[in-house]
Structures are given as C-alpha cells and as structure tokens.
C-alpha cells in the first residue's frame, strides 16, 4: 500500500479547546484531510488515521474528550456521504488521546478507554498504540474490534498492521523506554513486515519534521510502505523514506485514506 497524494485543504474541521502555553485555554480547529493510496485490501473502503487529540469540546452538555467528538463527527459525515461506510473503514490511533476536563492542563494524562470504545463501536475495527499520556481503565482488546499493539502486529480486513507505543525516555515513567530498548522494539516490530507501521514517537526527517534521529536510522534501514506517527506536530504531515516509503504524522489531525478508483 503506497501513499500517492495528500490534500492540504481540509474537508471538515472540529473546533476544540486545548491548553495554552501561558496558561488557560486556546481554541483550535482539528483538520480532516483526504489522501489517496494505490490500493486497499478488498475488505476495506477507507482507513482513518489520527492521534494526539489532546483537547476537549465544550457545550451545554458539558466537556468531552476531543476523540469522542471526532468519532461522533465521523458518524455524521458518513450519513451525509462525506465519508465511506464506516463498517468498511478501519481506524489507526497513534496515541495521546487525553486532555484534562477543562482542557487547560498541558501534558495531562488519563483514561482514554472511552475514546477507543467510541471508535470501536462506529467503525469496522480500531488498532492503536499507547501514547505517553494515555492510561486505560479497561484494556482496549476487551472492547471488541479493538487491538492495542506493542511490539506486535495484527492482520485485519487483509491489512497487516504492526505497532509499538510509547516514547524514548525514563522507563520509570509510564509508556517510556530507554533508547536501546525502544530501538530494539521497533526492529522487532518491523519483523512483522507490516503494510502500515504504527508508532507514537515520530522519526526526525528534516529540520521542519522533528523527531528522533536514532528512530529515523532504524526506519531508513528497513522502511515499511507507510509509517504513521505523532507525538511531535509537523506543519507538513507527509514525509518520505527510501524506496518510496511514506511517513504520515497525524498529530492533531485526521487523515482519511482511500483509493483513487
């Protein structure tokens, strides 16, 4: 599965609140983008990719996680014909799906099981990795049609997905590994020969696409067709690896992949 193109003009946006750098909240607009791949397995009409949904939506009903709003928005868009049949659409979550209820705490960590459950209920299946701000009150694999990956892989609807969660950091803290352990884990994950490699940590591709240099070296040595990541926001979400392989950074964006047919 090769990525052919990615539109830069959103076809939909979701307004949300997130923590401002100097305290309080600021308003953001989560873009929904379309991309095209050369082929999808017969069991799929589309793939939806997202991550780093660290915000909340507030209205008269109260405050809810941005990921819940995204799942609900997808249901509405599908009924309007703006998205493919969700029961033939898979979801890939790149982690960090939590925000404090007021949306005003930077780097808050908490339970993201409700977000996973919302996607699992609406879509054919959901596969994801743990971000370094994610906790679970119920393992996603218990939800049905949901698969949390960590140095392993799964085949769904004819698509091979392998993934590894967390970031390089102090292993005494949640969802963090030493650099040596993290890179060894990525190498083992790549042995599954995935169509899509799903990570939370981003590789460093150039000065504007920041990430981890050591991870980049591992991926360049054995690039999968498509790597999906987050953790660090790239203004330009699409990057390239040798051999025509692509990297999509889905930090605070939703990307919907379909074929050109």
Protein backbone atom coordinates (compact mmCIF):
# COMPACT_ATOMS: atom_id res chain seq x y z
CA UNK A 1 0.00 0.00 0.00
CA UNK A 2 1.69 3.19 -1.25
CA UNK A 3 0.58 6.72 -0.49
CA UNK A 4 0.03 8.63 -3.74
CA UNK A 5 -1.16 12.04 -2.58
CA UNK A 6 -2.36 14.05 0.39
CA UNK A 7 -4.63 17.07 0.10
CA UNK A 8 -3.70 20.12 2.14
CA UNK A 9 -7.18 21.66 2.20
CA UNK A 10 -9.42 20.22 4.96
CA UNK A 11 -12.85 18.93 4.01
CA UNK A 12 -14.04 19.27 7.61
CA UNK A 13 -12.89 20.79 10.91
CA UNK A 14 -13.78 20.24 14.55
CA UNK A 15 -13.46 23.18 16.93
CA UNK A 16 -11.92 22.35 20.32
CA UNK A 17 -10.13 23.78 23.35
CA UNK A 18 -6.64 22.85 24.44
CA UNK A 19 -4.12 24.13 26.95
CA UNK A 20 -2.35 27.37 26.05
CA UNK A 21 1.40 27.71 26.61
CA UNK A 22 0.97 30.57 29.09
CA UNK A 23 -1.98 29.13 30.96
CA UNK A 24 -5.69 28.86 30.32
CA UNK A 25 -7.06 27.54 27.07
CA UNK A 26 -6.95 28.38 23.40
CA UNK A 27 -9.24 27.41 20.55
CA UNK A 28 -8.02 25.01 17.90
CA UNK A 29 -9.55 23.60 14.74
CA UNK A 30 -8.81 19.94 14.03
CA UNK A 31 -8.48 19.42 10.26
CA UNK A 32 -9.83 16.42 8.38
CA UNK A 33 -7.69 15.71 5.29
CA UNK A 34 -8.07 13.27 2.40
CA UNK A 35 -5.28 11.15 0.96
CA UNK A 36 -5.05 8.55 -1.76
CA UNK A 37 -3.25 5.22 -1.77
CA UNK A 38 -2.60 2.92 -4.69
CA UNK A 39 -4.61 0.06 -3.20
CA UNK A 40 -6.55 -1.12 -0.18
CA UNK A 41 -7.44 -4.72 0.67
CA UNK A 42 -10.81 -5.92 -0.60
CA UNK A 43 -12.16 -5.79 2.95
CA UNK A 44 -11.67 -2.04 3.27
CA UNK A 45 -13.02 1.07 1.57
CA UNK A 46 -11.02 3.53 3.69
CA UNK A 47 -8.56 4.00 6.55
CA UNK A 48 -8.90 6.78 9.12
CA UNK A 49 -5.72 7.86 10.91
CA UNK A 50 -5.47 10.22 13.87
CA UNK A 51 -3.55 10.93 17.05
CA UNK A 52 -2.64 13.48 19.71
CA UNK A 53 -6.25 14.53 20.22
CA UNK A 54 -5.32 16.39 23.40
CA UNK A 55 -8.28 18.70 23.67
CA UNK A 56 -11.90 18.94 24.76
CA UNK A 57 -15.16 20.08 23.23
CA UNK A 58 -17.47 22.05 25.49
CA UNK A 59 -21.14 22.87 25.04
CA UNK A 60 -24.33 22.98 27.09
CA UNK A 61 -23.99 19.23 27.82
CA UNK A 62 -20.57 19.68 29.43
CA UNK A 63 -16.99 18.83 28.47
CA UNK A 64 -15.94 15.76 26.49
CA UNK A 65 -12.69 14.49 25.04
CA UNK A 66 -11.89 15.59 21.51
CA UNK A 67 -11.62 11.97 20.39
CA UNK A 68 -15.26 11.36 21.32
CA UNK A 69 -16.28 14.34 19.21
CA UNK A 70 -14.20 13.09 16.28
CA UNK A 71 -15.89 9.68 16.38
CA UNK A 72 -19.33 11.33 16.51
CA UNK A 73 -18.42 13.69 13.67
CA UNK A 74 -17.39 10.73 11.52
CA UNK A 75 -20.77 9.09 12.02
CA UNK A 76 -22.49 12.29 10.89
CA UNK A 77 -20.17 12.75 7.91
CA UNK A 78 -20.82 9.16 6.81
CA UNK A 79 -24.59 9.67 6.92
CA UNK A 80 -24.11 12.72 4.67
CA UNK A 81 -21.98 10.76 2.22
CA UNK A 82 -18.78 12.67 3.02
CA UNK A 83 -17.11 9.51 4.35
CA UNK A 84 -17.21 5.91 3.19
CA UNK A 85 -19.26 3.29 5.01
CA UNK A 86 -17.72 3.21 8.49
CA UNK A 87 -18.28 -0.54 8.73
CA UNK A 88 -15.78 -0.87 5.90
CA UNK A 89 -13.36 1.66 7.38
CA UNK A 90 -10.51 0.81 9.73
CA UNK A 91 -9.08 3.24 12.30
CA UNK A 92 -5.44 3.68 13.32
CA UNK A 93 -4.82 5.62 16.55
CA UNK A 94 -1.30 6.95 17.18
CA UNK A 95 -1.83 7.68 20.88
CA UNK A 96 -2.17 10.65 23.26
CA UNK A 97 -5.95 10.91 23.30
CA UNK A 98 -6.45 12.50 26.73
CA UNK A 99 -6.99 16.05 27.97
CA UNK A 100 -7.97 17.42 31.37
CA UNK A 101 -11.74 18.11 31.63
CA UNK A 102 -11.21 21.86 31.36
CA UNK A 103 -8.68 21.48 28.57
CA UNK A 104 -6.37 23.80 30.49
CA UNK A 105 -3.60 21.47 31.75
CA UNK A 106 -0.63 20.90 29.45
CA UNK A 107 0.63 17.33 29.37
CA UNK A 108 -2.27 15.88 31.35
CA UNK A 109 -2.50 12.07 31.45
CA UNK A 110 -5.62 10.00 31.90
CA UNK A 111 -8.05 7.32 30.80
CA UNK A 112 -8.62 7.07 27.05
CA UNK A 113 -10.68 3.87 27.01
CA UNK A 114 -13.89 5.83 26.18
CA UNK A 115 -12.28 7.19 23.02
CA UNK A 116 -11.23 3.72 21.90
CA UNK A 117 -14.72 2.44 22.66
CA UNK A 118 -16.36 5.16 20.57
CA UNK A 119 -14.24 4.33 17.52
CA UNK A 120 -14.66 0.57 18.02
CA UNK A 121 -18.44 0.96 18.13
CA UNK A 122 -18.68 3.06 14.97
CA UNK A 123 -16.02 1.53 12.70
CA UNK A 124 -15.06 -1.89 11.35
CA UNK A 125 -12.14 -2.05 13.77
CA UNK A 126 -9.62 0.11 15.57
CA UNK A 127 -5.90 -0.54 16.00
CA UNK A 128 -3.71 1.74 18.07
CA UNK A 129 -0.69 2.28 20.26
CA UNK A 130 -0.34 3.87 23.66
CA UNK A 131 0.81 7.47 23.85
CA UNK A 132 2.88 8.64 26.78
CA UNK A 133 -0.16 10.45 28.23
CA UNK A 134 -2.62 7.54 27.84
CA UNK A 135 -3.94 5.25 30.56
CA UNK A 136 -6.67 2.61 30.31
CA UNK A 137 -9.27 1.55 32.84
CA UNK A 138 -10.08 -1.39 30.55
CA UNK A 139 -7.65 -2.94 28.10
CA UNK A 140 -8.82 -1.98 24.59
CA UNK A 141 -8.68 -5.61 23.44
CA UNK A 142 -11.63 -6.25 25.77
CA UNK A 143 -13.84 -3.80 23.86
CA UNK A 144 -14.35 -5.94 20.77
CA UNK A 145 -12.98 -4.92 17.36
CA UNK A 146 -10.12 -3.08 19.13
CA UNK A 147 -6.44 -4.01 19.22
CA UNK A 148 -3.73 -2.29 21.26
CA UNK A 149 -0.31 -3.06 19.77
CA UNK A 150 3.08 -3.01 21.43
CA UNK A 151 5.90 -4.76 19.57
CA UNK A 152 3.39 -6.95 17.79
CA UNK A 153 1.08 -6.99 14.80
CA UNK A 154 -2.37 -7.90 13.60
CA UNK A 155 -3.99 -8.67 10.24
CA UNK A 156 -7.46 -7.17 9.76
CA UNK A 157 -9.53 -6.90 6.58
CA UNK A 158 -6.47 -8.06 4.66
CA UNK A 159 -4.22 -5.29 6.06
CA UNK A 160 -1.08 -6.06 8.07
CA UNK A 161 -0.53 -3.51 10.84
CA UNK A 162 2.32 -3.64 13.35
CA UNK A 163 2.87 -1.14 16.11
CA UNK A 164 4.76 -0.04 19.17
CA UNK A 165 3.65 2.50 21.75
CA UNK A 166 5.35 5.00 23.99
CA UNK A 167 8.44 7.13 23.53
CA UNK A 168 12.12 7.18 24.40
CA UNK A 169 12.54 8.35 27.98
CA UNK A 170 12.84 7.39 31.63
CA UNK A 171 11.46 3.83 31.91
CA UNK A 172 10.34 4.59 35.46
CA UNK A 173 7.62 6.76 33.90
CA UNK A 174 4.62 5.32 32.02
CA UNK A 175 4.94 4.38 28.34
CA UNK A 176 8.65 5.15 28.12
CA UNK A 177 11.68 3.02 27.29
CA UNK A 178 15.41 3.58 27.19
CA UNK A 179 16.69 4.42 23.74
CA UNK A 180 18.29 0.98 23.35
CA UNK A 181 15.11 -0.86 24.37
CA UNK A 182 12.92 1.36 22.21
CA UNK A 183 15.01 0.91 19.07
CA UNK A 184 15.25 -2.84 19.66
CA UNK A 185 11.47 -2.92 19.99
CA UNK A 186 10.98 -1.08 16.70
CA UNK A 187 13.33 -3.51 14.97
CA UNK A 188 11.31 -6.46 16.31
CA UNK A 189 8.07 -4.78 15.26
CA UNK A 190 9.37 -4.37 11.72
CA UNK A 191 9.96 -8.14 11.54
CA UNK A 192 6.18 -8.47 11.15
CA UNK A 193 6.65 -6.90 7.68
CA UNK A 194 3.67 -4.58 8.06
CA UNK A 195 1.80 -2.72 5.37
CA UNK A 196 1.49 0.01 7.99
CA UNK A 197 3.81 0.64 10.94
CA UNK A 198 2.04 2.48 13.75
CA UNK A 199 4.12 4.44 16.29
CA UNK A 200 3.57 7.22 18.78
CA UNK A 201 7.13 8.55 18.61
CA UNK A 202 7.99 10.42 15.41
CA UNK A 203 11.22 10.00 13.45
CA UNK A 204 13.28 13.05 12.52
CA UNK A 205 13.18 13.60 8.76
CA UNK A 206 14.40 17.19 8.39
CA UNK A 207 14.59 20.49 10.27
CA UNK A 208 10.83 21.05 9.98
CA UNK A 209 9.79 17.45 10.61
CA UNK A 210 11.24 16.98 14.08
CA UNK A 211 11.57 13.71 15.95
CA UNK A 212 14.12 11.13 16.99
CA UNK A 213 17.22 10.70 14.82
CA UNK A 214 18.00 7.18 16.01
CA UNK A 215 14.48 6.05 15.13
CA UNK A 216 14.94 7.55 11.67
CA UNK A 217 18.03 5.43 11.11
CA UNK A 218 16.15 2.24 12.02
CA UNK A 219 13.29 3.09 9.66
CA UNK A 220 15.60 4.04 6.80
CA UNK A 221 17.34 0.68 7.09
CA UNK A 222 14.07 -1.23 6.67
CA UNK A 223 11.28 1.15 5.62
CA UNK A 224 7.71 -0.15 5.65
CA UNK A 225 5.40 1.18 2.91
CA UNK A 226 3.68 3.54 5.36
CA UNK A 227 4.63 4.70 8.85
CA UNK A 228 2.03 6.54 10.95
CA UNK A 229 3.24 8.55 13.94
CA UNK A 230 2.52 11.55 16.17
CA UNK A 231 3.90 12.97 19.43
CA UNK A 232 5.53 15.98 17.72
CA UNK A 233 3.49 18.20 15.41
CA UNK A 234 4.69 18.69 11.84
CA UNK A 235 3.23 21.56 9.82
CA UNK A 236 3.71 19.37 6.75
CA UNK A 237 2.36 15.94 7.75
CA UNK A 238 3.84 13.93 4.87
CA UNK A 239 7.46 12.82 4.86
CA UNK A 240 9.46 10.30 2.86
CA UNK A 241 11.78 7.37 3.48
CA UNK A 242 13.91 5.45 0.95
CA UNK A 243 12.24 3.28 -1.67
CA UNK A 244 9.08 5.33 -1.99
CA UNK A 245 8.00 4.72 1.60
CA UNK A 246 5.98 7.43 3.34
CA UNK A 247 5.61 8.78 6.87
CA UNK A 248 2.36 10.42 7.96
CA UNK A 249 2.37 12.48 11.13
CA UNK A 250 -1.20 12.60 12.45
CA UNK A 251 -0.53 14.81 15.49
CA UNK A 252 -3.75 16.87 15.89
CA UNK A 253 -5.19 15.95 12.51
CA UNK A 254 -7.48 13.34 10.97
CA UNK A 255 -6.43 11.77 7.68
CA UNK A 256 -8.78 9.61 5.61
CA UNK A 257 -7.13 7.36 3.04
CA UNK A 258 -9.00 5.90 0.07
CA UNK A 259 -8.01 4.60 -3.35
CA UNK A 260 -8.21 6.70 -6.49
CA UNK A 261 -10.84 4.40 -8.02
